[in-house]
Amino acid sequence: MYVGRIVIVGQNLGRSYVAYRVSSRSFPNRRAEIRGRSILVSPLNPEDLAKNPYIAYNCIRVTDRTAVVANGTQSDMILERIEDGMRPLDAISLSLVAYGYERDELDTPRIAGAVHGHRAYLGIAKKDEFRVKEFDLMDGQSFMVATYEKANFESINIAGQSSKEIARAAFELSFERPVCAAAALSFSKEAEKESKGFELAVFNPM
C-alpha cells in the first residue's frame, strides 16, 4: 500500500517522540538532514524545486518541551505559535486552516503532529475535510496519519530506545516507496537535569 508521507506521535519508556517518513513516487531522490533543532527534507537535485515547491521543508522542529512534525512548511508556523504561548492543538489547527491542502496535481493533504509531555496531537487538512485530535499518551502507544489511504488517526506499532532506532523503524514500515525518515525523542528525566529538549536523528538509505 502506498500512503505517501507519514506523521507519527508516540511514547516509549516514558519518553515522547515524533517521527516522519517520506514515501514518494514522483520525487524519491530526497534525504533528511539535521540542522540545529530542525530536520530538513530536501531534494538531492535543487533543480527539482522548480518542478514542485512542496518537496523541501522542515519536517521536524523542536523546543525544550515540544516537538512538531509535519509534511510541509506548516511546521514552522506551528512551532512559532507554540513559542508564542499557544496550545499545540490550537497551533496545529490554525496552521492547517491557514495553509490548507497543497495545491498540486493530487491535492495532497497537509498533515501535522506534536508531542508535549505525555500529550500528543495530530491534524490533517484535506481539500474537503479538516480534523485535529489530542491524545493522552500511554507508554508503548503510537499513532499515525498519512497523506493517502491512512488519513484517519490510527494506532501503529513502532518502538525504539533512541531517536535513531525510531527513525529507522519509521523507514521500515511496510508501506511502499520509502525514501527517508526522521525522529525526535525527548531526553530521559535523568538527562533533562542537564539538557532539556529532544535528541534528533535521520535515516537515509543512501
N, C-alpha and C. Protein backbone atom coordinates (compact mmCIF):
# COMPACT_ATOMS: atom_id res chain seq x y z
N MET A 1 0.84 -1.21 0.00
CA MET A 1 0.00 0.00 0.00
C MET A 1 0.87 1.25 0.00
N TYR A 2 0.51 2.19 -0.86
CA TYR A 2 1.23 3.46 -0.89
C TYR A 2 0.43 4.50 -0.11
N VAL A 3 1.07 5.10 0.91
CA VAL A 3 0.36 6.06 1.77
C VAL A 3 0.96 7.45 1.72
N GLY A 4 2.04 7.64 0.96
CA GLY A 4 2.65 8.97 0.90
C GLY A 4 3.43 9.30 2.16
N ARG A 5 3.37 10.55 2.56
CA ARG A 5 4.10 10.98 3.75
C ARG A 5 3.39 10.51 5.02
N ILE A 6 4.18 10.22 6.06
CA ILE A 6 3.65 9.67 7.31
C ILE A 6 4.12 10.50 8.49
N VAL A 7 3.19 10.88 9.35
CA VAL A 7 3.48 11.57 10.61
C VAL A 7 3.12 10.62 11.75
N ILE A 8 4.02 10.49 12.72
CA ILE A 8 3.82 9.58 13.85
C ILE A 8 4.09 10.32 15.15
N VAL A 9 3.26 10.08 16.15
CA VAL A 9 3.49 10.57 17.51
C VAL A 9 3.38 9.38 18.46
N GLY A 10 4.20 9.39 19.51
CA GLY A 10 4.14 8.24 20.42
C GLY A 10 4.96 8.44 21.67
N GLN A 11 5.00 7.36 22.46
CA GLN A 11 5.77 7.37 23.72
C GLN A 11 6.33 5.98 23.97
N ASN A 12 7.59 5.93 24.38
CA ASN A 12 8.23 4.67 24.70
C ASN A 12 9.15 4.86 25.89
N LEU A 13 9.00 4.00 26.87
CA LEU A 13 9.81 4.07 28.08
C LEU A 13 9.74 5.44 28.74
N GLY A 14 8.54 6.02 28.72
CA GLY A 14 8.32 7.31 29.35
C GLY A 14 8.81 8.51 28.56
N ARG A 15 9.31 8.28 27.36
CA ARG A 15 9.86 9.36 26.52
C ARG A 15 8.97 9.54 25.29
N SER A 16 8.51 10.76 25.09
CA SER A 16 7.65 11.06 23.96
C SER A 16 8.48 11.30 22.70
N TYR A 17 7.87 11.03 21.55
CA TYR A 17 8.61 11.23 20.31
C TYR A 17 7.66 11.57 19.16
N VAL A 18 8.25 12.14 18.13
CA VAL A 18 7.59 12.29 16.84
C VAL A 18 8.48 11.63 15.81
N ALA A 19 7.87 11.14 14.74
CA ALA A 19 8.64 10.54 13.65
C ALA A 19 7.99 10.92 12.33
N TYR A 20 8.79 10.86 11.29
CA TYR A 20 8.31 11.26 9.96
C TYR A 20 8.95 10.38 8.91
N ARG A 21 8.15 9.99 7.93
CA ARG A 21 8.71 9.24 6.80
C ARG A 21 8.23 9.83 5.48
N VAL A 22 9.18 10.01 4.58
CA VAL A 22 8.84 10.38 3.21
C VAL A 22 8.68 9.10 2.41
N SER A 23 7.53 8.94 1.78
CA SER A 23 7.33 7.91 0.77
C SER A 23 6.94 8.67 -0.49
N SER A 24 7.56 8.37 -1.60
CA SER A 24 7.30 9.20 -2.78
C SER A 24 7.46 8.42 -4.07
N ARG A 25 6.53 8.66 -4.99
CA ARG A 25 6.63 8.11 -6.33
C ARG A 25 7.30 9.09 -7.28
N SER A 26 6.98 10.37 -7.12
CA SER A 26 7.42 11.39 -8.08
C SER A 26 8.81 11.94 -7.79
N PHE A 27 9.15 12.09 -6.50
CA PHE A 27 10.44 12.69 -6.13
C PHE A 27 11.14 11.84 -5.06
N PRO A 28 11.63 10.67 -5.47
CA PRO A 28 12.26 9.77 -4.48
C PRO A 28 13.69 10.18 -4.11
N ASN A 29 14.30 11.08 -4.86
CA ASN A 29 15.69 11.45 -4.61
C ASN A 29 15.76 12.59 -3.59
N ARG A 30 15.39 12.25 -2.36
CA ARG A 30 15.44 13.23 -1.27
C ARG A 30 16.12 12.61 -0.06
N ARG A 31 16.56 13.48 0.84
CA ARG A 31 17.18 12.99 2.07
C ARG A 31 16.82 13.93 3.22
N ALA A 32 16.97 13.42 4.42
CA ALA A 32 16.71 14.20 5.63
C ALA A 32 18.04 14.60 6.25
N GLU A 33 18.09 15.82 6.78
CA GLU A 33 19.33 16.37 7.32
C GLU A 33 19.04 17.17 8.59
N ILE A 34 19.80 16.90 9.64
CA ILE A 34 19.65 17.64 10.89
C ILE A 34 20.32 19.01 10.73
N ARG A 35 19.56 20.04 11.08
CA ARG A 35 20.09 21.40 11.05
C ARG A 35 19.71 22.09 12.36
N GLY A 36 20.60 22.03 13.32
CA GLY A 36 20.32 22.62 14.62
C GLY A 36 19.19 21.88 15.31
N ARG A 37 18.10 22.59 15.58
CA ARG A 37 16.95 21.99 16.26
C ARG A 37 15.83 21.67 15.26
N SER A 38 16.20 21.48 14.03
CA SER A 38 15.25 21.14 12.98
C SER A 38 15.80 19.99 12.14
N ILE A 39 14.90 19.33 11.41
CA ILE A 39 15.31 18.33 10.42
C ILE A 39 14.69 18.74 9.09
N LEU A 40 15.53 18.92 8.11
CA LEU A 40 15.11 19.38 6.79
C LEU A 40 15.05 18.22 5.82
N VAL A 41 13.94 18.13 5.09
CA VAL A 41 13.82 17.22 3.95
C VAL A 41 14.01 18.04 2.70
N SER A 42 14.90 17.60 1.81
CA SER A 42 15.15 18.36 0.58
C SER A 42 15.62 17.43 -0.53
N PRO A 43 15.45 17.84 -1.78
CA PRO A 43 15.87 17.00 -2.90
C PRO A 43 17.39 17.02 -3.08
N LEU A 44 17.93 15.92 -3.58
CA LEU A 44 19.36 15.86 -3.87
C LEU A 44 19.71 16.82 -5.00
N ASN A 45 18.77 17.00 -5.92
CA ASN A 45 18.96 17.92 -7.03
C ASN A 45 18.12 19.16 -6.79
N PRO A 46 18.72 20.31 -6.48
CA PRO A 46 17.95 21.53 -6.20
C PRO A 46 17.03 21.95 -7.35
N GLU A 47 17.34 21.51 -8.56
CA GLU A 47 16.51 21.88 -9.71
C GLU A 47 15.10 21.27 -9.62
N ASP A 48 14.96 20.22 -8.81
CA ASP A 48 13.63 19.61 -8.63
C ASP A 48 12.65 20.57 -7.98
N LEU A 49 13.16 21.57 -7.25
CA LEU A 49 12.28 22.53 -6.60
C LEU A 49 11.50 23.37 -7.61
N ALA A 50 12.05 23.52 -8.79
CA ALA A 50 11.35 24.25 -9.84
C ALA A 50 10.15 23.46 -10.35
N LYS A 51 10.22 22.14 -10.21
CA LYS A 51 9.13 21.27 -10.65
C LYS A 51 8.03 21.18 -9.59
N ASN A 52 8.44 21.22 -8.31
CA ASN A 52 7.46 21.11 -7.22
C ASN A 52 8.02 21.82 -5.98
N PRO A 53 7.43 22.95 -5.58
CA PRO A 53 7.96 23.71 -4.44
C PRO A 53 7.65 23.07 -3.09
N TYR A 54 6.84 22.01 -3.07
CA TYR A 54 6.42 21.41 -1.81
C TYR A 54 7.37 20.32 -1.30
N ILE A 55 8.46 20.04 -2.01
CA ILE A 55 9.27 18.87 -1.66
C ILE A 55 10.44 19.19 -0.73
N ALA A 56 10.59 20.43 -0.29
CA ALA A 56 11.63 20.80 0.67
C ALA A 56 10.99 21.57 1.82
N TYR A 57 11.28 21.15 3.06
CA TYR A 57 10.66 21.76 4.24
C TYR A 57 11.27 21.17 5.50
N ASN A 58 11.06 21.84 6.61
CA ASN A 58 11.45 21.29 7.91
C ASN A 58 10.37 20.31 8.33
N CYS A 59 10.70 19.03 8.34
CA CYS A 59 9.69 18.03 8.74
C CYS A 59 9.57 17.92 10.25
N ILE A 60 10.62 18.27 10.98
CA ILE A 60 10.60 18.24 12.44
C ILE A 60 11.27 19.49 12.98
N ARG A 61 10.64 20.09 13.98
CA ARG A 61 11.22 21.20 14.72
C ARG A 61 10.95 20.99 16.20
N VAL A 62 11.89 21.40 17.05
CA VAL A 62 11.74 21.15 18.48
C VAL A 62 12.08 22.39 19.30
N THR A 63 11.47 22.43 20.49
CA THR A 63 11.85 23.37 21.54
C THR A 63 12.30 22.54 22.74
N ASP A 64 12.47 23.17 23.88
CA ASP A 64 12.86 22.41 25.07
C ASP A 64 11.80 21.40 25.48
N ARG A 65 10.53 21.71 25.24
CA ARG A 65 9.44 20.86 25.74
C ARG A 65 8.52 20.29 24.67
N THR A 66 8.64 20.76 23.46
CA THR A 66 7.70 20.37 22.41
C THR A 66 8.42 19.97 21.14
N ALA A 67 7.91 18.94 20.47
CA ALA A 67 8.40 18.55 19.15
C ALA A 67 7.24 18.61 18.18
N VAL A 68 7.49 19.18 17.02
CA VAL A 68 6.49 19.34 15.96
C VAL A 68 6.95 18.56 14.75
N VAL A 69 6.00 17.91 14.07
CA VAL A 69 6.30 17.14 12.87
C VAL A 69 5.23 17.44 11.83
N ALA A 70 5.64 17.58 10.56
CA ALA A 70 4.68 17.92 9.51
C ALA A 70 5.26 17.62 8.14
N ASN A 71 4.37 17.58 7.15
CA ASN A 71 4.80 17.28 5.77
C ASN A 71 4.97 18.54 4.93
N GLY A 72 5.18 19.68 5.58
CA GLY A 72 5.36 20.91 4.82
C GLY A 72 5.78 22.06 5.72
N THR A 73 5.80 23.25 5.15
CA THR A 73 6.28 24.42 5.87
C THR A 73 5.35 24.85 7.01
N GLN A 74 4.20 24.20 7.13
CA GLN A 74 3.33 24.49 8.27
C GLN A 74 4.02 24.17 9.59
N SER A 75 5.05 23.34 9.56
CA SER A 75 5.79 23.02 10.79
C SER A 75 6.37 24.28 11.42
N ASP A 76 6.84 25.21 10.59
CA ASP A 76 7.44 26.45 11.10
C ASP A 76 6.39 27.31 11.80
N MET A 77 5.24 27.44 11.19
CA MET A 77 4.17 28.24 11.79
C MET A 77 3.68 27.62 13.10
N ILE A 78 3.55 26.29 13.11
CA ILE A 78 3.10 25.61 14.33
C ILE A 78 4.06 25.89 15.48
N LEU A 79 5.35 25.71 15.22
CA LEU A 79 6.33 25.92 16.29
C LEU A 79 6.34 27.37 16.76
N GLU A 80 6.26 28.29 15.82
CA GLU A 80 6.27 29.71 16.19
C GLU A 80 5.07 30.06 17.07
N ARG A 81 3.91 29.53 16.76
CA ARG A 81 2.72 29.81 17.58
C ARG A 81 2.84 29.18 18.96
N ILE A 82 3.41 27.99 19.04
CA ILE A 82 3.62 27.36 20.34
C ILE A 82 4.60 28.19 21.18
N GLU A 83 5.65 28.68 20.55
CA GLU A 83 6.61 29.52 21.26
C GLU A 83 5.98 30.82 21.74
N ASP A 84 4.92 31.27 21.05
CA ASP A 84 4.19 32.47 21.46
C ASP A 84 3.19 32.20 22.58
N GLY A 85 3.07 30.91 22.98
CA GLY A 85 2.19 30.57 24.09
C GLY A 85 0.90 29.85 23.72
N MET A 86 0.72 29.59 22.44
CA MET A 86 -0.49 28.91 22.00
C MET A 86 -0.41 27.42 22.32
N ARG A 87 -1.54 26.81 22.66
CA ARG A 87 -1.58 25.36 22.88
C ARG A 87 -1.26 24.63 21.57
N PRO A 88 -0.56 23.48 21.64
CA PRO A 88 -0.22 22.75 20.41
C PRO A 88 -1.44 22.43 19.55
N LEU A 89 -2.55 22.03 20.17
CA LEU A 89 -3.75 21.71 19.40
C LEU A 89 -4.23 22.92 18.62
N ASP A 90 -4.23 24.08 19.25
CA ASP A 90 -4.67 25.30 18.59
C ASP A 90 -3.68 25.73 17.51
N ALA A 91 -2.39 25.55 17.78
CA ALA A 91 -1.37 25.93 16.80
C ALA A 91 -1.47 25.08 15.54
N ILE A 92 -1.70 23.78 15.73
CA ILE A 92 -1.87 22.89 14.57
C ILE A 92 -3.13 23.27 13.81
N SER A 93 -4.22 23.51 14.53
CA SER A 93 -5.48 23.89 13.89
C SER A 93 -5.32 25.15 13.06
N LEU A 94 -4.72 26.17 13.66
CA LEU A 94 -4.55 27.45 12.98
C LEU A 94 -3.71 27.30 11.72
N SER A 95 -2.61 26.58 11.81
CA SER A 95 -1.71 26.45 10.66
C SER A 95 -2.36 25.66 9.53
N LEU A 96 -3.08 24.59 9.87
CA LEU A 96 -3.70 23.79 8.83
C LEU A 96 -4.83 24.54 8.14
N VAL A 97 -5.55 25.34 8.90
CA VAL A 97 -6.60 26.17 8.28
C VAL A 97 -5.96 27.24 7.40
N ALA A 98 -4.87 27.83 7.89
CA ALA A 98 -4.21 28.90 7.13
C ALA A 98 -3.60 28.39 5.83
N TYR A 99 -2.94 27.24 5.88
CA TYR A 99 -2.27 26.72 4.69
C TYR A 99 -3.22 25.91 3.81
N GLY A 100 -4.11 25.13 4.43
CA GLY A 100 -4.98 24.25 3.66
C GLY A 100 -4.19 23.14 2.99
N TYR A 101 -4.83 22.41 2.10
CA TYR A 101 -4.17 21.34 1.38
C TYR A 101 -3.19 21.93 0.36
N GLU A 102 -2.28 21.08 -0.12
CA GLU A 102 -1.30 21.53 -1.11
C GLU A 102 -1.96 21.63 -2.48
N ARG A 103 -1.71 22.72 -3.17
CA ARG A 103 -2.30 22.92 -4.50
C ARG A 103 -1.42 22.27 -5.56
N ASP A 104 -1.31 20.96 -5.50
CA ASP A 104 -0.56 20.22 -6.50
C ASP A 104 -1.54 19.37 -7.32
N GLU A 105 -1.02 18.49 -8.14
CA GLU A 105 -1.87 17.69 -9.02
C GLU A 105 -2.78 16.74 -8.25
N LEU A 106 -2.35 16.34 -7.05
CA LEU A 106 -3.11 15.36 -6.26
C LEU A 106 -3.89 15.99 -5.12
N ASP A 107 -3.87 17.32 -5.01
CA ASP A 107 -4.50 17.97 -3.86
C ASP A 107 -4.03 17.32 -2.55
N THR A 108 -2.72 17.16 -2.43
CA THR A 108 -2.13 16.45 -1.29
C THR A 108 -2.52 17.10 0.03
N PRO A 109 -3.03 16.31 0.96
CA PRO A 109 -3.36 16.87 2.28
C PRO A 109 -2.11 17.34 3.03
N ARG A 110 -2.30 18.32 3.88
CA ARG A 110 -1.25 18.70 4.82
C ARG A 110 -1.52 17.96 6.12
N ILE A 111 -0.48 17.38 6.69
CA ILE A 111 -0.61 16.64 7.94
C ILE A 111 0.40 17.19 8.94
N ALA A 112 0.09 17.06 10.22
CA ALA A 112 0.99 17.58 11.25
C ALA A 112 0.73 16.86 12.57
N GLY A 113 1.72 16.93 13.45
CA GLY A 113 1.59 16.35 14.77
C GLY A 113 2.52 17.06 15.74
N ALA A 114 2.35 16.76 17.02
CA ALA A 114 3.22 17.34 18.04
C ALA A 114 3.13 16.49 19.30
N VAL A 115 4.18 16.54 20.11
CA VAL A 115 4.14 15.98 21.45
C VAL A 115 4.61 17.04 22.43
N HIS A 116 3.97 17.04 23.60
CA HIS A 116 4.33 17.96 24.68
C HIS A 116 4.06 17.21 25.97
N GLY A 117 5.12 16.82 26.66
CA GLY A 117 4.94 15.99 27.84
C GLY A 117 4.34 14.65 27.43
N HIS A 118 3.27 14.26 28.11
CA HIS A 118 2.61 12.99 27.80
C HIS A 118 1.36 13.20 26.96
N ARG A 119 1.30 14.31 26.27
CA ARG A 119 0.18 14.56 25.36
C ARG A 119 0.69 14.64 23.92
N ALA A 120 -0.16 14.16 23.01
CA ALA A 120 0.19 14.18 21.60
C ALA A 120 -0.97 14.76 20.81
N TYR A 121 -0.65 15.21 19.61
CA TYR A 121 -1.64 15.89 18.77
C TYR A 121 -1.41 15.49 17.32
N LEU A 122 -2.51 15.32 16.57
CA LEU A 122 -2.43 15.05 15.15
C LEU A 122 -3.46 15.91 14.42
N GLY A 123 -3.14 16.27 13.18
CA GLY A 123 -4.09 17.05 12.39
C GLY A 123 -3.91 16.77 10.91
N ILE A 124 -4.98 17.00 10.16
CA ILE A 124 -4.93 16.84 8.71
C ILE A 124 -5.86 17.85 8.05
N ALA A 125 -5.39 18.43 6.96
CA ALA A 125 -6.20 19.35 6.16
C ALA A 125 -6.29 18.79 4.74
N LYS A 126 -7.47 18.29 4.38
CA LYS A 126 -7.71 17.78 3.03
C LYS A 126 -8.50 18.83 2.25
N LYS A 127 -8.74 18.56 0.99
CA LYS A 127 -9.49 19.50 0.16
C LYS A 127 -10.91 19.70 0.69
N ASP A 128 -11.49 18.63 1.24
CA ASP A 128 -12.88 18.68 1.69
C ASP A 128 -13.07 18.37 3.16
N GLU A 129 -11.98 18.38 3.94
CA GLU A 129 -12.09 18.00 5.35
C GLU A 129 -10.92 18.54 6.15
N PHE A 130 -11.20 18.83 7.41
CA PHE A 130 -10.17 19.32 8.33
C PHE A 130 -10.43 18.67 9.69
N ARG A 131 -9.40 18.05 10.27
CA ARG A 131 -9.57 17.39 11.57
C ARG A 131 -8.31 17.54 12.42
N VAL A 132 -8.49 17.68 13.71
CA VAL A 132 -7.39 17.65 14.67
C VAL A 132 -7.84 16.84 15.88
N LYS A 133 -6.87 16.27 16.58
CA LYS A 133 -7.20 15.47 17.77
C LYS A 133 -6.06 15.51 18.76
N GLU A 134 -6.43 15.47 20.04
CA GLU A 134 -5.46 15.42 21.14
C GLU A 134 -5.52 14.04 21.78
N PHE A 135 -4.36 13.49 22.12
CA PHE A 135 -4.26 12.16 22.72
C PHE A 135 -3.54 12.25 24.06
N ASP A 136 -3.98 11.46 25.03
CA ASP A 136 -3.22 11.22 26.24
C ASP A 136 -2.35 10.00 25.98
N LEU A 137 -1.05 10.19 25.91
CA LEU A 137 -0.17 9.08 25.56
C LEU A 137 0.09 8.16 26.75
N MET A 138 0.06 6.88 26.49
CA MET A 138 0.47 5.88 27.46
C MET A 138 1.72 5.20 26.91
N ASP A 139 2.51 4.62 27.79
CA ASP A 139 3.76 4.02 27.36
C ASP A 139 3.50 2.91 26.34
N GLY A 140 4.27 2.95 25.27
CA GLY A 140 4.14 1.94 24.22
C GLY A 140 3.13 2.29 23.15
N GLN A 141 2.42 3.41 23.31
CA GLN A 141 1.42 3.83 22.33
C GLN A 141 2.04 4.70 21.25
N SER A 142 1.54 4.56 20.04
CA SER A 142 1.90 5.49 18.96
C SER A 142 0.73 5.56 17.98
N PHE A 143 0.62 6.72 17.34
CA PHE A 143 -0.47 6.98 16.41
C PHE A 143 0.10 7.62 15.15
N MET A 144 -0.59 7.41 14.04
CA MET A 144 -0.11 7.93 12.77
C MET A 144 -1.23 8.55 11.95
N VAL A 145 -0.82 9.40 11.02
CA VAL A 145 -1.69 9.87 9.95
C VAL A 145 -0.80 9.99 8.72
N ALA A 146 -1.37 9.67 7.55
CA ALA A 146 -0.62 9.75 6.30
C ALA A 146 -1.42 10.54 5.28
N THR A 147 -0.75 10.94 4.22
CA THR A 147 -1.42 11.79 3.24
C THR A 147 -2.44 11.02 2.41
N TYR A 148 -2.21 9.70 2.19
CA TYR A 148 -3.15 8.90 1.40
C TYR A 148 -3.48 7.60 2.12
N GLU A 149 -4.67 7.09 1.90
CA GLU A 149 -5.12 5.80 2.39
C GLU A 149 -5.26 5.74 3.92
N LYS A 150 -4.26 6.19 4.64
CA LYS A 150 -4.27 6.16 6.11
C LYS A 150 -4.49 7.57 6.66
N ALA A 151 -5.55 8.22 6.20
CA ALA A 151 -5.80 9.61 6.58
C ALA A 151 -6.55 9.74 7.90
N ASN A 152 -6.99 8.63 8.47
CA ASN A 152 -7.60 8.65 9.80
C ASN A 152 -6.49 8.50 10.85
N PHE A 153 -6.73 8.97 12.04
CA PHE A 153 -5.75 8.85 13.11
C PHE A 153 -5.88 7.44 13.69
N GLU A 154 -4.84 6.65 13.52
CA GLU A 154 -4.93 5.26 13.97
C GLU A 154 -3.65 4.84 14.67
N SER A 155 -3.77 3.81 15.50
CA SER A 155 -2.62 3.31 16.24
C SER A 155 -1.70 2.54 15.31
N ILE A 156 -0.42 2.52 15.66
CA ILE A 156 0.58 1.82 14.86
C ILE A 156 1.65 1.28 15.79
N ASN A 157 2.22 0.15 15.44
CA ASN A 157 3.26 -0.45 16.27
C ASN A 157 4.63 0.04 15.80
N ILE A 158 5.24 0.84 16.63
CA ILE A 158 6.59 1.33 16.33
C ILE A 158 7.26 1.60 17.67
N ALA A 159 8.54 1.27 17.77
CA ALA A 159 9.23 1.47 19.05
C ALA A 159 10.71 1.63 18.80
N GLY A 160 11.39 2.14 19.81
CA GLY A 160 12.83 2.30 19.75
C GLY A 160 13.31 2.97 21.01
N GLN A 161 14.53 2.70 21.40
CA GLN A 161 15.09 3.29 22.61
C GLN A 161 15.94 4.51 22.32
N SER A 162 16.06 4.86 21.05
CA SER A 162 16.79 6.07 20.67
C SER A 162 16.08 6.68 19.47
N SER A 163 16.37 7.94 19.21
CA SER A 163 15.77 8.58 18.05
C SER A 163 16.22 7.90 16.76
N LYS A 164 17.44 7.41 16.75
CA LYS A 164 17.94 6.71 15.57
C LYS A 164 17.15 5.44 15.30
N GLU A 165 16.84 4.69 16.35
CA GLU A 165 16.07 3.45 16.20
C GLU A 165 14.65 3.75 15.74
N ILE A 166 14.06 4.84 16.25
CA ILE A 166 12.70 5.21 15.87
C ILE A 166 12.66 5.65 14.41
N ALA A 167 13.64 6.44 13.99
CA ALA A 167 13.70 6.87 12.60
C ALA A 167 13.82 5.66 11.67
N ARG A 168 14.65 4.71 12.03
CA ARG A 168 14.80 3.52 11.17
C ARG A 168 13.51 2.71 11.18
N ALA A 169 12.86 2.58 12.33
CA ALA A 169 11.61 1.83 12.40
C ALA A 169 10.54 2.48 11.52
N ALA A 170 10.51 3.81 11.51
CA ALA A 170 9.55 4.51 10.65
C ALA A 170 9.85 4.23 9.18
N PHE A 171 11.12 4.24 8.82
CA PHE A 171 11.51 3.96 7.44
C PHE A 171 11.11 2.54 7.04
N GLU A 172 11.22 1.60 7.97
CA GLU A 172 10.99 0.19 7.66
C GLU A 172 9.53 -0.24 7.78
N LEU A 173 8.62 0.69 8.02
CA LEU A 173 7.20 0.34 7.98
C LEU A 173 6.87 -0.27 6.62
N SER A 174 5.88 -1.14 6.58
CA SER A 174 5.64 -1.96 5.40
C SER A 174 5.03 -1.22 4.21
N PHE A 175 4.75 0.06 4.35
CA PHE A 175 4.16 0.80 3.25
C PHE A 175 5.18 1.01 2.12
N GLU A 176 4.67 1.18 0.91
CA GLU A 176 5.51 1.22 -0.29
C GLU A 176 6.29 2.53 -0.44
N ARG A 177 7.35 2.46 -1.21
CA ARG A 177 8.15 3.59 -1.69
C ARG A 177 8.81 4.44 -0.60
N PRO A 178 9.47 3.83 0.40
CA PRO A 178 10.16 4.64 1.41
C PRO A 178 11.34 5.39 0.80
N VAL A 179 11.55 6.61 1.27
CA VAL A 179 12.64 7.44 0.77
C VAL A 179 13.62 7.80 1.88
N CYS A 180 13.13 8.36 2.99
CA CYS A 180 13.96 8.71 4.13
C CYS A 180 13.05 8.88 5.35
N ALA A 181 13.64 8.99 6.51
CA ALA A 181 12.85 9.12 7.73
C ALA A 181 13.62 9.95 8.76
N ALA A 182 12.87 10.43 9.76
CA ALA A 182 13.47 11.26 10.81
C ALA A 182 12.69 11.07 12.10
N ALA A 183 13.31 11.43 13.21
CA ALA A 183 12.64 11.30 14.51
C ALA A 183 13.23 12.28 15.51
N ALA A 184 12.42 12.63 16.51
CA ALA A 184 12.86 13.43 17.66
C ALA A 184 12.31 12.76 18.90
N LEU A 185 13.18 12.41 19.83
CA LEU A 185 12.83 11.69 21.06
C LEU A 185 13.23 12.53 22.26
N SER A 186 12.28 12.72 23.18
CA SER A 186 12.59 13.54 24.36
C SER A 186 13.67 12.87 25.20
N PHE A 187 14.50 13.68 25.83
CA PHE A 187 15.52 13.15 26.71
C PHE A 187 14.86 12.51 27.92
N SER A 188 15.53 11.55 28.52
CA SER A 188 15.01 10.92 29.73
C SER A 188 15.01 11.92 30.88
N LYS A 189 14.27 11.61 31.93
CA LYS A 189 14.21 12.51 33.08
C LYS A 189 15.59 12.74 33.66
N GLU A 190 16.42 11.71 33.64
CA GLU A 190 17.76 11.87 34.17
C GLU A 190 18.56 12.85 33.31
N ALA A 191 18.41 12.71 31.99
CA ALA A 191 19.15 13.59 31.09
C ALA A 191 18.63 15.02 31.15
N GLU A 192 17.32 15.19 31.41
CA GLU A 192 16.75 16.53 31.44
C GLU A 192 17.33 17.40 32.54
N LYS A 193 17.91 16.76 33.57
CA LYS A 193 18.54 17.55 34.63
C LYS A 193 19.70 18.36 34.06
N GLU A 194 20.32 17.84 32.98
CA GLU A 194 21.45 18.52 32.38
C GLU A 194 21.10 19.17 31.05
N SER A 195 20.19 18.55 30.30
CA SER A 195 19.89 19.05 28.96
C SER A 195 18.42 18.81 28.63
N LYS A 196 17.66 19.87 28.49
CA LYS A 196 16.27 19.75 28.12
C LYS A 196 16.15 19.54 26.62
N GLY A 197 15.00 19.08 26.20
CA GLY A 197 14.74 19.01 24.77
C GLY A 197 14.67 17.60 24.22
N PHE A 198 15.07 17.47 22.96
CA PHE A 198 14.90 16.24 22.20
C PHE A 198 16.19 15.88 21.47
N GLU A 199 16.45 14.58 21.37
CA GLU A 199 17.53 14.13 20.51
C GLU A 199 16.97 13.86 19.12
N LEU A 200 17.69 14.29 18.10
CA LEU A 200 17.23 14.18 16.72
C LEU A 200 18.03 13.13 15.98
N ALA A 201 17.37 12.50 15.01
CA ALA A 201 18.06 11.53 14.18
C ALA A 201 17.38 11.43 12.83
N VAL A 202 18.15 11.01 11.83
CA VAL A 202 17.60 10.79 10.49
C VAL A 202 18.02 9.40 10.02
N PHE A 203 17.27 8.87 9.05
CA PHE A 203 17.68 7.63 8.40
C PHE A 203 17.55 7.84 6.90
N ASN A 204 18.70 7.80 6.24
CA ASN A 204 18.76 7.89 4.79
C ASN A 204 19.40 6.60 4.26
N PRO A 205 18.71 5.86 3.40
CA PRO A 205 19.26 4.59 2.95
C PRO A 205 20.47 4.72 2.04
N MET A 206 20.63 5.91 1.45
CA MET A 206 21.76 6.11 0.53
C MET A 206 22.82 7.02 1.15
